[in-house]
Protein backbone atom coordinates (compact mmCIF):
# COMPACT_ATOMS: atom_id res chain seq x y z
CA MET A 1 86.32 35.27 57.35
CA ILE A 2 83.86 38.18 57.42
CA LEU A 3 83.49 37.82 61.19
CA ALA A 4 87.28 38.02 61.65
CA PHE A 5 87.40 41.15 59.45
CA HIS A 6 84.69 42.84 61.55
CA ALA A 7 86.46 41.90 64.79
CA ALA A 8 89.74 43.34 63.47
CA LEU A 9 87.96 46.50 62.37
CA ILE A 10 86.34 46.96 65.77
CA ILE A 11 89.63 46.35 67.59
CA SER A 12 91.41 48.87 65.33
CA MET A 13 88.80 51.48 66.25
CA LEU A 14 89.36 51.07 70.00
CA PRO A 15 91.57 53.69 71.63
CA SER A 16 95.20 52.72 71.95
CA SER A 17 96.50 52.13 75.45
CA ASN A 18 99.11 54.77 74.58
CA MET A 19 96.42 57.37 73.90
CA LYS A 20 96.41 60.00 76.60
CA LYS A 21 93.13 60.80 78.30
CA ILE A 22 92.12 64.45 78.42
CA GLY A 23 89.63 65.89 80.88
CA VAL A 24 88.16 69.37 80.77
CA ILE A 25 86.67 70.27 84.14
CA GLY A 26 84.53 73.36 84.60
CA VAL A 27 84.47 74.68 88.15
CA GLY A 28 82.37 77.41 89.69
CA ASN A 29 79.28 78.51 91.52
CA PRO A 30 76.56 79.78 89.16
CA LEU A 31 74.78 81.36 92.15
CA ARG A 32 77.69 83.81 92.55
CA ARG A 33 77.46 85.62 89.21
CA ASP A 34 80.87 85.58 87.44
CA ASP A 35 82.03 82.66 89.55
CA GLY A 36 79.81 80.48 87.34
CA ILE A 37 81.91 81.18 84.21
CA GLY A 38 83.81 77.88 84.44
CA ILE A 39 80.61 75.84 84.22
CA LEU A 40 79.19 78.02 81.43
CA LEU A 41 82.37 77.78 79.32
CA LEU A 42 82.45 74.01 79.87
CA GLU A 43 78.90 73.73 78.50
CA LYS A 44 79.74 75.90 75.49
CA LEU A 45 82.88 73.87 74.81
CA ALA A 46 80.98 70.57 75.08
CA ASP A 47 78.39 71.93 72.61
CA ARG A 48 81.24 72.38 70.11
CA LYS A 49 83.16 69.19 70.88
CA HIS A 50 82.77 68.05 67.28
CA GLU A 51 85.18 70.90 66.38
CA LEU A 52 87.83 69.69 68.84
CA PRO A 53 90.36 66.91 68.38
CA GLY A 54 90.46 63.58 70.14
CA ASP A 55 88.52 61.93 72.85
CA ILE A 56 87.99 64.61 75.49
CA GLU A 57 85.77 64.15 78.53
CA TYR A 58 83.81 67.20 79.74
CA ILE A 59 83.03 67.29 83.45
CA ASP A 60 81.03 69.70 85.60
CA GLY A 61 83.23 69.95 88.69
CA GLY A 62 80.77 72.03 90.69
CA THR A 63 82.51 74.23 93.23
CA GLY A 64 85.73 72.22 93.10
CA SER A 65 85.28 70.27 96.30
CA MET A 66 87.13 67.14 97.34
CA ASN A 67 84.97 65.24 94.82
CA LEU A 68 87.62 66.19 92.26
CA LEU A 69 90.40 64.40 94.12
CA HIS A 70 89.99 60.92 92.61
CA LEU A 71 88.51 62.27 89.39
CA LEU A 72 91.89 63.77 88.46
CA ALA A 73 93.47 60.30 88.44
CA ARG A 74 91.42 59.30 85.39
CA PHE A 75 93.34 61.67 83.12
CA ASP A 76 96.81 62.31 81.77
CA ILE A 77 95.98 65.92 80.88
CA VAL A 78 93.46 68.10 82.72
CA PHE A 79 92.17 71.57 81.89
CA ILE A 80 90.42 73.30 84.78
CA ILE A 81 88.21 76.21 83.76
CA ASP A 82 87.33 78.68 86.50
CA ALA A 83 87.03 82.30 87.49
CA ALA A 84 90.45 83.44 88.72
CA HIS A 85 91.86 86.65 90.12
CA PHE A 86 95.03 87.55 88.25
CA ASN A 87 94.79 91.35 88.02
CA ALA A 88 93.50 91.45 84.44
CA VAL A 89 90.58 93.24 82.83
CA ALA A 90 87.26 91.59 83.72
CA GLY A 91 86.33 89.02 81.09
CA TYR A 92 89.91 88.27 80.02
CA GLY A 93 90.86 84.58 79.88
CA LYS A 94 94.33 83.15 80.20
CA LEU A 95 95.87 79.68 80.30
CA PHE A 96 98.19 78.98 83.24
CA THR A 97 100.35 75.99 83.99
CA LEU A 98 100.47 74.64 87.52
CA GLN A 99 104.09 75.79 87.76
CA GLU A 100 103.15 79.37 86.80
CA ILE A 101 100.55 79.41 89.55
CA LYS A 102 102.98 78.06 92.13
CA ASN A 103 105.64 80.61 91.10
CA ASN A 104 103.24 83.55 91.33
CA ARG A 105 101.13 82.50 94.28
CA THR A 106 101.21 85.95 95.90
CA SER A 107 99.81 87.79 92.87
CA LEU A 108 97.62 85.07 91.40
CA LEU A 109 94.77 83.16 92.94
CA PRO A 110 93.93 80.36 90.52
CA SER A 111 90.34 80.28 91.58
CA THR A 112 87.74 82.40 93.31
CA HIS A 113 87.47 79.43 95.68
CA GLY A 114 90.83 80.33 97.19
CA SER A 115 93.45 77.62 97.29
CA ASP A 116 90.94 74.72 97.37
CA ILE A 117 91.90 73.48 93.91
CA LEU A 118 95.62 73.74 94.64
CA GLU A 119 95.06 71.74 97.81
CA ILE A 120 93.17 69.05 95.89
CA ILE A 121 96.02 68.83 93.36
CA ARG A 122 98.58 68.63 96.16
CA LEU A 123 96.62 65.80 97.78
CA SER A 124 96.25 63.97 94.46
CA LYS A 125 100.05 64.12 94.03
CA ASN A 126 100.55 62.80 97.56
CA ILE A 127 98.50 59.71 96.75
CA ASP A 128 100.00 59.33 93.25
CA GLU A 129 96.74 60.15 91.47
CA ALA A 130 97.67 63.45 89.82
CA PRO A 131 97.58 63.88 86.04
CA LYS A 132 100.91 64.46 84.34
CA HIS A 133 99.75 67.82 82.95
CA ILE A 134 97.38 70.21 84.74
CA LEU A 135 96.41 73.49 83.11
CA PHE A 136 94.11 76.24 84.33
CA PHE A 137 92.06 78.44 82.05
CA GLY A 138 91.26 81.36 84.31
CA VAL A 139 88.78 84.12 83.55
CA GLN A 140 89.10 87.38 85.46
CA PRO A 141 85.72 87.99 87.16
CA LYS A 142 84.20 91.38 87.88
CA ASP A 143 81.42 90.45 90.30
CA THR A 144 81.17 87.32 92.45
CA SER A 145 78.35 88.55 94.65
CA VAL A 146 75.15 86.54 95.05
CA GLY A 147 73.17 86.40 91.81
CA THR A 148 72.76 84.28 88.71
CA GLU A 149 73.65 86.63 85.85
CA LEU A 150 77.18 87.17 84.63
CA SER A 151 78.51 90.72 84.63
CA LYS A 152 78.24 92.65 81.39
CA GLU A 153 82.00 92.33 80.88
CA LEU A 154 81.90 88.53 80.97
CA GLN A 155 78.70 88.27 78.92
CA GLN A 156 80.30 90.33 76.15
CA ASN A 157 83.37 88.08 76.04
CA ILE A 158 81.83 84.60 76.08
CA GLY A 159 82.35 84.03 72.34
CA LYS A 160 85.99 85.15 72.52
CA LEU A 161 86.60 83.03 75.62
CA VAL A 162 85.17 79.89 73.98
CA THR A 163 87.27 80.47 70.84
CA LYS A 164 90.43 81.05 72.90
CA LEU A 165 89.76 77.99 75.05
CA MET A 166 89.19 75.83 71.95
CA ARG A 167 92.51 77.06 70.51
CA GLU A 168 94.33 76.28 73.77
CA VAL A 169 92.84 72.78 74.08
CA THR A 170 93.70 72.01 70.44
CA LYS A 171 97.24 73.37 70.83
CA ILE A 172 97.95 71.36 73.97
CA TYR A 173 96.38 68.26 72.43
CA GLU A 174 98.68 68.54 69.41
CA GLU A 175 101.78 69.30 71.51
CA LEU A 176 101.35 66.56 74.09
CA LEU A 177 99.86 63.71 72.08
């Protein structure tokens, strides 16, 4: 009887097959100053994961190469964090949907890596491995030259960016799950 109770308790603690999987992927090159912001924010977010809802996987996506292609298939919802040029003040972070990026392609580059990430997403859709929801948290860089330190503008905004990102992840989690 006790064994059956423990088995039922363990089974009840397992994630439901209906539970959506969420991945947060930081992308960037820490050897190109502000371009490393995606990786840094991912680390800060993972350090505070106990303050976030649900079962979220945190992944260092490096420079966003083709390695991400099959990784996307593991999730229903993906947040990609990266430096992005969207004509904002350096250090400002904003959440974009994939549709917003497609609609504004001329004035918005979703990543300092050009259209690499958009190409990976397009390919993942072509092979039916794309998540249902893909969101980009872009941070406007100031300096992506060679170097390892973030610009002063980004350094001063790290706390605000982490707080904003946590709010966005929580909001989307609550809306979509």
